[in-house]
Amino acid sequence: MLEIKKAVLPNRLRIRVVPMKSTETVAVFIMARAGSRYESAKNLGIAHFLEHMFFKGGNRYPTPKAVAEAIDGVGGIFNAFTGNDAVGYYIKVAKENITLAFDVLSDMLLNSKFSPEDIDREKGVIIEEYNMHRDNPRSVLADEFQTLIYGEHPLGKPIIGDMKFIKQATRKDFVGYQKELYSPANIVVAVAGNTTLAEVKKLVSKYLKLAKGGSKNTPLPYQAPTTYKKRLKVIYKKTEQAHLAIGMPTFGGLNPHRYVVDVLAVILGGGMSSRLFTSIRERHGLAYYVWAGHDMYADTGNFVIGAGVNIKKVDFAIKLILDELKIIQASPVPAPELEKAKQSIIGNMALRLESSDTVANGLAYQELLYDKVESIAEIKRKYRAVTAKDVQNLAKKIFQKDKILLAVIGPYHNQADFAKLIK
């Protein structure tokens, strides 16, 4: 059984460690409450751009090549990601190279120079990333659905940002964002693998010497509207396949129903035996992919169903999806189907717990956003406790017809036909 070890430094930096003696690796995650939802209308994209800039080098590893060679030279893995709530930086290496991981990460995060030359060069990279993103219909659809459900709130803005700001960004923007948001109170160091709390605490104290100060970052809260003025978005794009997203508002990560919604998502679209996969793909042959999931943030969330379907039968596919939502509201899930969904979640969790980087990532995320980490035993207990009545009641609560939103991308000009489907 995995055990979580904890420590808090005098500067309020939190350390969480999961010793895993069965592995030869160690994964070091540094995660900050500095995601895109902390941006303003004036600096959309700064969180993601700053993540890129940290890889340009510091004092001990002064160039991107030096950073890459340090980790490549020991066969390690390193990367970063920007989300709405948080930004994460991580390195996974053999256990004997844990000191190198802390040395490289700390140099990146504490000593980055943000030179004007590097900034200007990286603008081109970000712009090309944006162009690649916009060429992908599924990526465009994801952004448009996010805007449809969250509107003008920061959660409704694409993480990659506004290219007008990206082109004008200066060193001052990066220094200001880092100083404002990357304080010890907003950072968690999570390590999983063949190590100990004592070793990690020693390395953090040596390499991550952050000055005490700053308070916990508080993002602009989000409250779902009681009535959506706009529930449909049709994006014209000449594609060979129609892509759609059907979703509705839900709740954040501290809501006790979070375990029920996971089970609901698996039943509807969590695999090849799920209801939507069976109906949309196997029975009617309308799609190659169809899935259901729950996007969860610190204080809010949304349920979403996605599919890529036959252009000429998109309306039929939408109708079938909506029919499945009605069915799961009307009748309790049969006991064997419910048990299969719960075991699927628990089994998948067991597989992910074999990987030190997955463990460290989940550890950092929970501690950073919710100020607590539930034990594996407690999580399993809560999934096993989900009943058919829980699933049915939650389906009735969140699948309200006046809060069902639809985004579609494909060769369509007329929105009226789609509007009829969600009335």
Protein backbone atom coordinates (compact mmCIF):
# COMPACT_ATOMS: atom_id res chain seq x y z
CA MET A 1 0.00 0.00 0.00
CA LEU A 2 1.33 3.42 -0.96
CA GLU A 3 1.90 5.75 1.97
CA ILE A 4 2.07 9.53 1.70
CA LYS A 5 4.80 11.31 3.66
CA LYS A 6 4.40 15.04 4.34
CA ALA A 7 6.48 18.05 5.25
CA VAL A 8 6.07 21.82 5.15
CA LEU A 9 9.10 24.12 5.07
CA PRO A 10 9.24 27.38 7.08
CA ASN A 11 8.56 29.35 3.88
CA ARG A 12 5.24 27.40 3.49
CA LEU A 13 6.44 25.24 0.60
CA ARG A 14 4.66 21.88 0.79
CA ILE A 15 6.47 18.59 0.19
CA ARG A 16 4.66 15.33 -0.45
CA VAL A 17 6.49 12.05 -1.00
CA VAL A 18 5.30 8.54 -1.85
CA PRO A 19 8.15 6.04 -1.36
CA MET A 20 7.94 3.20 -3.90
CA LYS A 21 10.70 0.72 -3.16
CA SER A 22 9.53 -1.62 -5.92
CA THR A 23 10.63 0.75 -8.69
CA GLU A 24 14.06 1.85 -9.86
CA THR A 25 12.79 5.31 -10.85
CA VAL A 26 11.87 8.56 -9.17
CA ALA A 27 9.57 11.28 -10.50
CA VAL A 28 9.93 14.87 -9.29
CA PHE A 29 6.97 17.20 -9.86
CA ILE A 30 6.88 20.90 -9.08
CA MET A 31 3.36 22.25 -9.49
CA ALA A 32 2.14 25.83 -9.03
CA ARG A 33 -1.26 27.50 -8.75
CA ALA A 34 -0.43 29.60 -11.78
CA GLY A 35 -2.61 28.27 -14.60
CA SER A 36 -4.45 30.21 -17.27
CA ARG A 37 -7.43 31.11 -15.09
CA TYR A 38 -5.19 33.56 -13.22
CA GLU A 39 -4.65 35.60 -16.38
CA SER A 40 -6.46 38.81 -17.23
CA ALA A 41 -7.84 40.05 -20.54
CA LYS A 42 -4.53 41.86 -21.03
CA ASN A 43 -2.17 38.87 -20.80
CA LEU A 44 -4.02 35.85 -22.20
CA GLY A 45 -1.46 33.13 -22.81
CA ILE A 46 1.20 34.27 -20.33
CA ALA A 47 0.90 31.14 -18.16
CA HIS A 48 1.61 28.81 -21.08
CA PHE A 49 4.25 31.10 -22.60
CA LEU A 50 6.06 31.30 -19.24
CA GLU A 51 6.11 27.50 -19.06
CA HIS A 52 7.96 27.51 -22.40
CA MET A 53 10.40 30.17 -21.25
CA PHE A 54 11.51 28.22 -18.19
CA PHE A 55 13.09 25.69 -20.55
CA LYS A 56 15.40 28.29 -22.11
CA GLY A 57 17.99 27.81 -19.41
CA GLY A 58 19.28 29.38 -16.20
CA ASN A 59 22.71 29.71 -14.59
CA ARG A 60 23.96 26.13 -14.37
CA TYR A 61 22.20 24.97 -17.54
CA PRO A 62 22.28 28.16 -19.62
CA THR A 63 20.68 26.97 -22.88
CA PRO A 64 17.78 24.74 -23.97
CA LYS A 65 20.36 22.28 -25.28
CA ALA A 66 22.16 22.17 -21.94
CA VAL A 67 18.85 21.49 -20.14
CA ALA A 68 17.94 18.74 -22.60
CA GLU A 69 21.39 17.13 -22.60
CA ALA A 70 21.48 16.95 -18.80
CA ILE A 71 18.35 14.79 -18.70
CA ASP A 72 18.84 12.97 -22.01
CA GLY A 73 22.33 12.03 -20.83
CA VAL A 74 20.90 9.88 -18.03
CA GLY A 75 17.96 8.51 -20.04
CA GLY A 76 15.43 10.62 -18.18
CA ILE A 77 12.10 12.13 -19.17
CA PHE A 78 11.27 15.79 -18.66
CA ASN A 79 8.34 17.94 -19.65
CA ALA A 80 5.81 20.49 -18.45
CA PHE A 81 2.14 21.31 -18.91
CA THR A 82 -0.18 24.26 -18.44
CA GLY A 83 -3.76 23.78 -17.30
CA ASN A 84 -6.51 26.13 -16.21
CA ASP A 85 -5.80 25.70 -12.49
CA ALA A 86 -2.14 24.75 -12.39
CA VAL A 87 1.19 24.53 -14.18
CA GLY A 88 3.45 21.54 -13.68
CA TYR A 89 7.11 20.78 -14.35
CA TYR A 90 8.53 17.29 -13.96
CA ILE A 91 11.52 15.04 -14.46
CA LYS A 92 11.56 11.26 -14.18
CA VAL A 93 14.93 9.56 -13.82
CA ALA A 94 16.62 6.51 -12.40
CA LYS A 95 16.69 6.74 -8.60
CA GLU A 96 20.44 7.51 -8.48
CA ASN A 97 19.85 10.69 -10.52
CA ILE A 98 17.34 12.38 -8.20
CA THR A 99 19.85 15.12 -7.31
CA LEU A 100 20.26 15.96 -11.00
CA ALA A 101 16.48 16.25 -11.35
CA PHE A 102 16.31 18.82 -8.54
CA ASP A 103 19.35 20.66 -9.88
CA VAL A 104 17.85 21.06 -13.36
CA LEU A 105 14.31 21.92 -12.24
CA SER A 106 15.46 24.45 -9.67
CA ASP A 107 17.80 26.17 -12.14
CA MET A 108 14.97 26.46 -14.66
CA LEU A 109 12.45 27.86 -12.19
CA LEU A 110 14.70 30.10 -10.10
CA ASN A 111 17.33 31.34 -12.53
CA SER A 112 15.60 31.80 -15.88
CA LYS A 113 16.80 34.97 -17.57
CA PHE A 114 13.88 35.63 -19.95
CA SER A 115 16.20 37.24 -22.46
CA PRO A 116 14.47 39.36 -25.15
CA GLU A 117 16.15 37.22 -27.83
CA ASP A 118 14.74 33.99 -26.37
CA ILE A 119 11.32 35.57 -25.95
CA ASP A 120 11.18 36.74 -29.56
CA ARG A 121 12.34 33.35 -30.82
CA GLU A 122 9.77 31.50 -28.72
CA LYS A 123 6.96 33.71 -30.01
CA GLY A 124 7.38 31.95 -33.34
CA VAL A 125 7.13 28.57 -31.61
CA ILE A 126 3.94 29.55 -29.77
CA ILE A 127 2.37 30.91 -32.94
CA GLU A 128 3.12 27.68 -34.80
CA GLU A 129 1.68 25.70 -31.88
CA TYR A 130 -1.44 27.86 -32.17
CA ASN A 131 -1.62 27.26 -35.94
CA MET A 132 -1.29 23.51 -35.42
CA HIS A 133 -4.01 23.70 -32.77
CA ARG A 134 -6.37 25.59 -35.09
CA ASP A 135 -5.80 23.11 -37.91
CA ASN A 136 -7.11 20.29 -35.71
CA PRO A 137 -10.94 20.22 -35.67
CA ARG A 138 -11.07 18.45 -32.32
CA SER A 139 -8.83 21.08 -30.72
CA VAL A 140 -10.94 23.89 -32.15
CA LEU A 141 -14.10 22.19 -30.92
CA ALA A 142 -12.67 21.80 -27.41
CA ASP A 143 -11.88 25.53 -27.24
CA GLU A 144 -15.28 26.52 -28.60
CA PHE A 145 -17.12 24.26 -26.17
CA GLN A 146 -15.09 25.69 -23.29
CA THR A 147 -16.12 29.19 -24.33
CA LEU A 148 -19.74 28.11 -24.78
CA ILE A 149 -20.01 26.77 -21.24
CA TYR A 150 -17.78 29.27 -19.36
CA GLY A 151 -18.31 32.38 -21.45
CA GLU A 152 -16.10 35.39 -20.67
CA HIS A 153 -14.77 33.86 -17.46
CA PRO A 154 -11.05 32.99 -17.64
CA LEU A 155 -12.02 29.29 -17.81
CA GLY A 156 -13.67 30.08 -21.13
CA LYS A 157 -10.43 31.31 -22.72
CA PRO A 158 -8.04 29.00 -24.63
CA ILE A 159 -4.95 28.10 -22.60
CA ILE A 160 -2.69 28.88 -25.54
CA GLY A 161 -3.88 32.48 -25.32
CA ASP A 162 -4.42 35.47 -27.57
CA MET A 163 -1.88 35.77 -30.38
CA LYS A 164 -2.05 39.57 -30.19
CA PHE A 165 -0.66 39.43 -26.65
CA ILE A 166 1.84 36.69 -27.55
CA LYS A 167 3.34 38.90 -30.27
CA GLN A 168 3.67 41.84 -27.87
CA ALA A 169 4.84 39.99 -24.73
CA THR A 170 7.95 41.38 -23.03
CA ARG A 171 10.33 40.30 -20.31
CA LYS A 172 8.39 42.46 -17.86
CA ASP A 173 5.28 40.33 -18.39
CA PHE A 174 7.11 37.11 -17.48
CA VAL A 175 8.90 38.53 -14.46
CA GLY A 176 5.67 40.02 -13.14
CA TYR A 177 3.61 36.83 -13.56
CA GLN A 178 6.29 34.70 -11.94
CA LYS A 179 6.73 37.07 -9.00
CA GLU A 180 2.99 37.34 -8.42
CA LEU A 181 2.04 33.66 -8.64
CA TYR A 182 5.10 31.46 -8.06
CA SER A 183 5.40 31.94 -4.30
CA PRO A 184 6.04 29.07 -1.82
CA ALA A 185 2.43 29.13 -0.61
CA ASN A 186 1.36 28.29 -4.16
CA ILE A 187 3.83 25.51 -4.91
CA VAL A 188 3.83 21.82 -4.10
CA VAL A 189 6.82 19.54 -4.61
CA ALA A 190 5.60 15.98 -5.07
CA VAL A 191 7.99 13.07 -5.47
CA ALA A 192 7.17 9.42 -6.02
CA GLY A 193 9.56 6.53 -6.46
CA ASN A 194 12.55 4.92 -4.81
CA THR A 195 13.36 7.65 -2.30
CA THR A 196 12.50 8.88 1.18
CA LEU A 197 10.98 12.00 2.71
CA ALA A 198 14.29 12.79 4.42
CA GLU A 199 16.18 12.71 1.11
CA VAL A 200 13.59 14.83 -0.70
CA LYS A 201 13.35 17.38 2.11
CA LYS A 202 17.15 17.75 2.07
CA LEU A 203 17.18 18.29 -1.70
CA VAL A 204 14.29 20.78 -1.64
CA SER A 205 15.97 22.78 1.11
CA LYS A 206 19.21 22.87 -0.86
CA TYR A 207 17.90 23.62 -4.36
CA LEU A 208 14.52 25.35 -4.02
CA LYS A 209 15.48 28.28 -1.84
CA LEU A 210 12.34 30.38 -2.23
CA ALA A 211 11.92 33.43 -0.03
CA LYS A 212 9.05 33.38 2.40
CA GLY A 213 6.15 35.55 1.32
CA GLY A 214 2.99 35.65 -0.71
CA SER A 215 -0.44 34.29 0.06
CA LYS A 216 -2.41 31.55 -1.61
CA ASN A 217 -3.54 32.60 -5.08
CA THR A 218 -7.29 33.03 -5.33
CA PRO A 219 -8.74 32.78 -8.84
CA LEU A 220 -11.86 34.56 -10.00
CA PRO A 221 -14.65 32.23 -8.78
CA TYR A 222 -17.08 30.73 -11.26
CA GLN A 223 -20.81 30.30 -10.80
CA ALA A 224 -22.79 28.59 -13.55
CA PRO A 225 -25.69 30.73 -14.77
CA THR A 226 -29.22 29.67 -13.92
CA THR A 227 -30.13 30.17 -17.58
CA TYR A 228 -27.87 29.91 -20.62
CA LYS A 229 -28.63 32.55 -23.23
CA LYS A 230 -26.55 30.66 -25.77
CA ARG A 231 -26.55 26.88 -25.80
CA LEU A 232 -25.34 26.16 -29.34
CA LYS A 233 -22.17 26.83 -31.30
CA VAL A 234 -21.73 25.62 -34.88
CA ILE A 235 -18.28 26.16 -36.36
CA TYR A 236 -18.01 25.90 -40.13
CA LYS A 237 -15.00 23.95 -41.32
CA LYS A 238 -14.65 21.77 -44.38
CA THR A 239 -14.02 18.40 -42.79
CA GLU A 240 -14.56 14.76 -43.72
CA GLN A 241 -16.06 14.04 -40.32
CA ALA A 242 -18.31 16.03 -38.00
CA HIS A 243 -17.06 16.47 -34.44
CA LEU A 244 -19.46 17.28 -31.64
CA ALA A 245 -19.42 18.00 -27.92
CA ILE A 246 -22.52 17.78 -25.76
CA GLY A 247 -22.12 18.94 -22.20
CA MET A 248 -23.50 20.65 -19.16
CA PRO A 249 -22.22 22.33 -15.95
CA THR A 250 -21.48 20.22 -12.87
CA PHE A 251 -19.26 20.87 -9.84
CA GLY A 252 -15.70 21.12 -8.55
CA GLY A 253 -13.27 18.64 -7.06
CA LEU A 254 -14.43 18.98 -3.46
CA ASN A 255 -18.00 17.95 -4.23
CA PRO A 256 -18.87 14.55 -2.69
CA HIS A 257 -20.59 13.53 -5.95
CA ARG A 258 -17.25 13.50 -7.80
CA TYR A 259 -17.03 9.71 -7.42
CA VAL A 260 -20.56 9.21 -8.67
CA VAL A 261 -19.95 11.33 -11.77
CA ASP A 262 -16.88 9.24 -12.63
CA VAL A 263 -18.98 6.09 -12.53
CA LEU A 264 -21.67 7.78 -14.61
CA ALA A 265 -19.08 8.76 -17.22
CA VAL A 266 -17.72 5.21 -17.48
CA ILE A 267 -21.21 3.75 -17.90
CA LEU A 268 -22.05 6.17 -20.68
CA GLY A 269 -18.78 6.44 -22.56
CA GLY A 270 -15.84 4.98 -20.68
CA GLY A 271 -14.85 2.15 -22.99
CA MET A 272 -15.78 -0.19 -25.80
CA SER A 273 -18.57 -1.78 -23.76
CA SER A 274 -20.10 1.54 -22.69
CA ARG A 275 -23.63 2.52 -23.65
CA LEU A 276 -22.67 5.27 -26.10
CA PHE A 277 -19.96 3.19 -27.80
CA THR A 278 -22.37 0.30 -28.18
CA SER A 279 -25.15 2.50 -29.57
CA ILE A 280 -23.31 5.07 -31.68
CA ARG A 281 -20.51 2.91 -33.08
CA GLU A 282 -21.39 -0.77 -32.82
CA ARG A 283 -25.15 -0.70 -33.37
CA HIS A 284 -25.43 2.18 -35.85
CA GLY A 285 -21.90 2.55 -37.29
CA LEU A 286 -22.00 6.36 -37.04
CA ALA A 287 -18.65 7.08 -35.40
CA TYR A 288 -15.11 5.89 -34.92
CA TYR A 289 -14.72 7.53 -31.52
CA VAL A 290 -17.23 8.41 -28.84
CA TRP A 291 -16.51 9.08 -25.17
CA ALA A 292 -17.84 10.70 -22.00
CA GLY A 293 -15.91 12.42 -19.24
CA HIS A 294 -15.96 14.92 -16.42
CA ASP A 295 -13.72 18.00 -16.58
CA MET A 296 -13.08 19.11 -13.02
CA TYR A 297 -11.51 22.29 -11.71
CA ALA A 298 -10.95 23.57 -8.19
CA ASP A 299 -14.40 25.10 -7.85
CA THR A 300 -16.47 23.95 -10.83
CA GLY A 301 -16.65 21.44 -13.64
CA ASN A 302 -18.59 20.12 -16.58
CA PHE A 303 -19.73 16.80 -17.98
CA VAL A 304 -19.01 16.33 -21.67
CA ILE A 305 -19.66 13.76 -24.38
CA GLY A 306 -17.56 13.87 -27.53
CA ALA A 307 -17.85 12.05 -30.84
CA GLY A 308 -16.63 12.12 -34.42
CA VAL A 309 -19.51 11.09 -36.66
CA ASN A 310 -20.73 10.72 -40.22
CA ILE A 311 -21.34 14.20 -41.64
CA LYS A 312 -24.70 13.26 -43.11
CA LYS A 313 -25.94 11.60 -39.93
CA VAL A 314 -24.79 14.03 -37.25
CA ASP A 315 -28.36 14.87 -36.27
CA PHE A 316 -29.16 11.20 -35.75
CA ALA A 317 -26.03 10.76 -33.63
CA ILE A 318 -26.98 13.72 -31.43
CA LYS A 319 -30.48 12.29 -31.00
CA LEU A 320 -29.06 8.92 -29.95
CA ILE A 321 -26.78 10.57 -27.39
CA LEU A 322 -29.65 12.56 -25.92
CA ASP A 323 -31.76 9.40 -25.82
CA GLU A 324 -29.07 7.67 -23.74
CA LEU A 325 -29.13 10.55 -21.27
CA LYS A 326 -32.90 10.10 -20.89
CA ILE A 327 -32.59 6.35 -20.44
CA ILE A 328 -30.06 6.60 -17.61
CA GLN A 329 -32.29 9.17 -15.90
CA ALA A 330 -35.37 6.96 -16.22
CA SER A 331 -34.04 3.59 -15.07
CA PRO A 332 -31.51 2.51 -12.43
CA VAL A 333 -28.32 1.01 -13.81
CA PRO A 334 -28.45 -2.82 -13.56
CA ALA A 335 -26.24 -4.21 -10.81
CA PRO A 336 -23.77 -6.04 -13.13
CA GLU A 337 -23.25 -2.93 -15.28
CA LEU A 338 -22.71 -0.75 -12.21
CA GLU A 339 -20.22 -3.18 -10.71
CA LYS A 340 -18.33 -3.41 -14.00
CA ALA A 341 -18.01 0.40 -14.16
CA LYS A 342 -16.72 0.63 -10.59
CA GLN A 343 -14.23 -2.18 -11.12
CA SER A 344 -13.06 -0.54 -14.33
CA ILE A 345 -12.21 2.65 -12.45
CA ILE A 346 -10.51 0.84 -9.58
CA GLY A 347 -8.59 -1.45 -11.93
CA ASN A 348 -7.42 1.43 -14.10
CA MET A 349 -6.31 3.28 -10.98
CA ALA A 350 -4.25 0.26 -9.92
CA LEU A 351 -2.47 0.23 -13.29
CA ARG A 352 -1.69 3.95 -13.06
CA LEU A 353 -0.30 3.54 -9.55
CA GLU A 354 2.46 1.35 -10.99
CA SER A 355 4.02 4.48 -12.52
CA SER A 356 5.95 6.91 -10.30
CA ASP A 357 5.21 9.93 -12.52
CA THR A 358 1.45 9.27 -12.47
CA VAL A 359 1.53 8.95 -8.67
CA ALA A 360 3.54 12.17 -8.25
CA ASN A 361 1.30 14.09 -10.63
CA GLY A 362 -1.92 13.10 -8.85
CA LEU A 363 -0.33 13.78 -5.47
CA ALA A 364 0.75 17.28 -6.46
CA TYR A 365 -2.57 18.16 -8.07
CA GLN A 366 -4.71 17.11 -5.11
CA GLU A 367 -2.54 18.82 -2.54
CA LEU A 368 -2.21 22.01 -4.56
CA LEU A 369 -5.90 22.49 -5.36
CA TYR A 370 -7.68 20.84 -2.46
CA ASP A 371 -5.13 21.06 0.37
CA LYS A 372 -5.50 17.36 1.06
CA VAL A 373 -4.72 14.00 -0.47
CA GLU A 374 -7.03 11.05 0.04
CA SER A 375 -5.52 7.62 0.56
CA ILE A 376 -5.91 4.96 -2.11
CA ALA A 377 -7.97 2.88 0.30
CA GLU A 378 -10.35 5.79 0.92
CA ILE A 379 -10.75 6.49 -2.79
CA LYS A 380 -11.54 2.85 -3.51
CA ARG A 381 -14.04 2.77 -0.66
CA LYS A 382 -15.88 5.79 -2.06
CA TYR A 383 -16.09 4.31 -5.56
CA ARG A 384 -17.35 0.99 -4.21
CA ALA A 385 -20.01 2.83 -2.18
CA VAL A 386 -21.64 4.35 -5.29
CA THR A 387 -25.14 2.93 -5.80
CA ALA A 388 -27.44 2.69 -8.80
CA LYS A 389 -29.69 5.24 -7.09
CA ASP A 390 -26.74 7.63 -6.73
CA VAL A 391 -26.04 7.40 -10.46
CA GLN A 392 -29.67 7.86 -11.44
CA ASN A 393 -30.19 10.83 -9.10
CA LEU A 394 -27.05 12.57 -10.34
CA ALA A 395 -28.08 11.99 -13.97
CA LYS A 396 -31.43 13.62 -13.22
CA LYS A 397 -29.68 16.54 -11.54
CA ILE A 398 -27.09 17.39 -14.18
CA PHE A 399 -28.78 16.31 -17.44
CA GLN A 400 -31.31 19.13 -17.40
CA LYS A 401 -32.56 19.88 -20.90
CA ASP A 402 -32.30 23.67 -20.51
CA LYS A 403 -28.62 23.32 -19.54
CA ILE A 404 -27.52 20.95 -22.27
CA LEU A 405 -25.03 22.71 -24.53
CA LEU A 406 -23.95 21.60 -27.99
CA ALA A 407 -20.90 22.51 -30.06
CA VAL A 408 -20.41 21.10 -33.57
CA ILE A 409 -17.64 21.56 -36.10
CA GLY A 410 -18.06 20.52 -39.72
CA PRO A 411 -19.28 21.71 -43.14
CA TYR A 412 -22.47 23.26 -41.78
CA HIS A 413 -23.88 26.76 -42.32
CA ASN A 414 -27.38 26.31 -40.89
CA GLN A 415 -27.70 26.36 -37.09
CA ALA A 416 -31.48 26.02 -37.00
CA ASP A 417 -31.48 22.24 -37.47
CA PHE A 418 -29.10 21.77 -34.55
CA ALA A 419 -31.04 24.18 -32.37
CA LYS A 420 -34.15 22.02 -32.73
CA LEU A 421 -32.30 19.01 -31.37
CA ILE A 422 -31.55 20.56 -27.97
CA LYS A 423 -34.82 22.38 -27.42
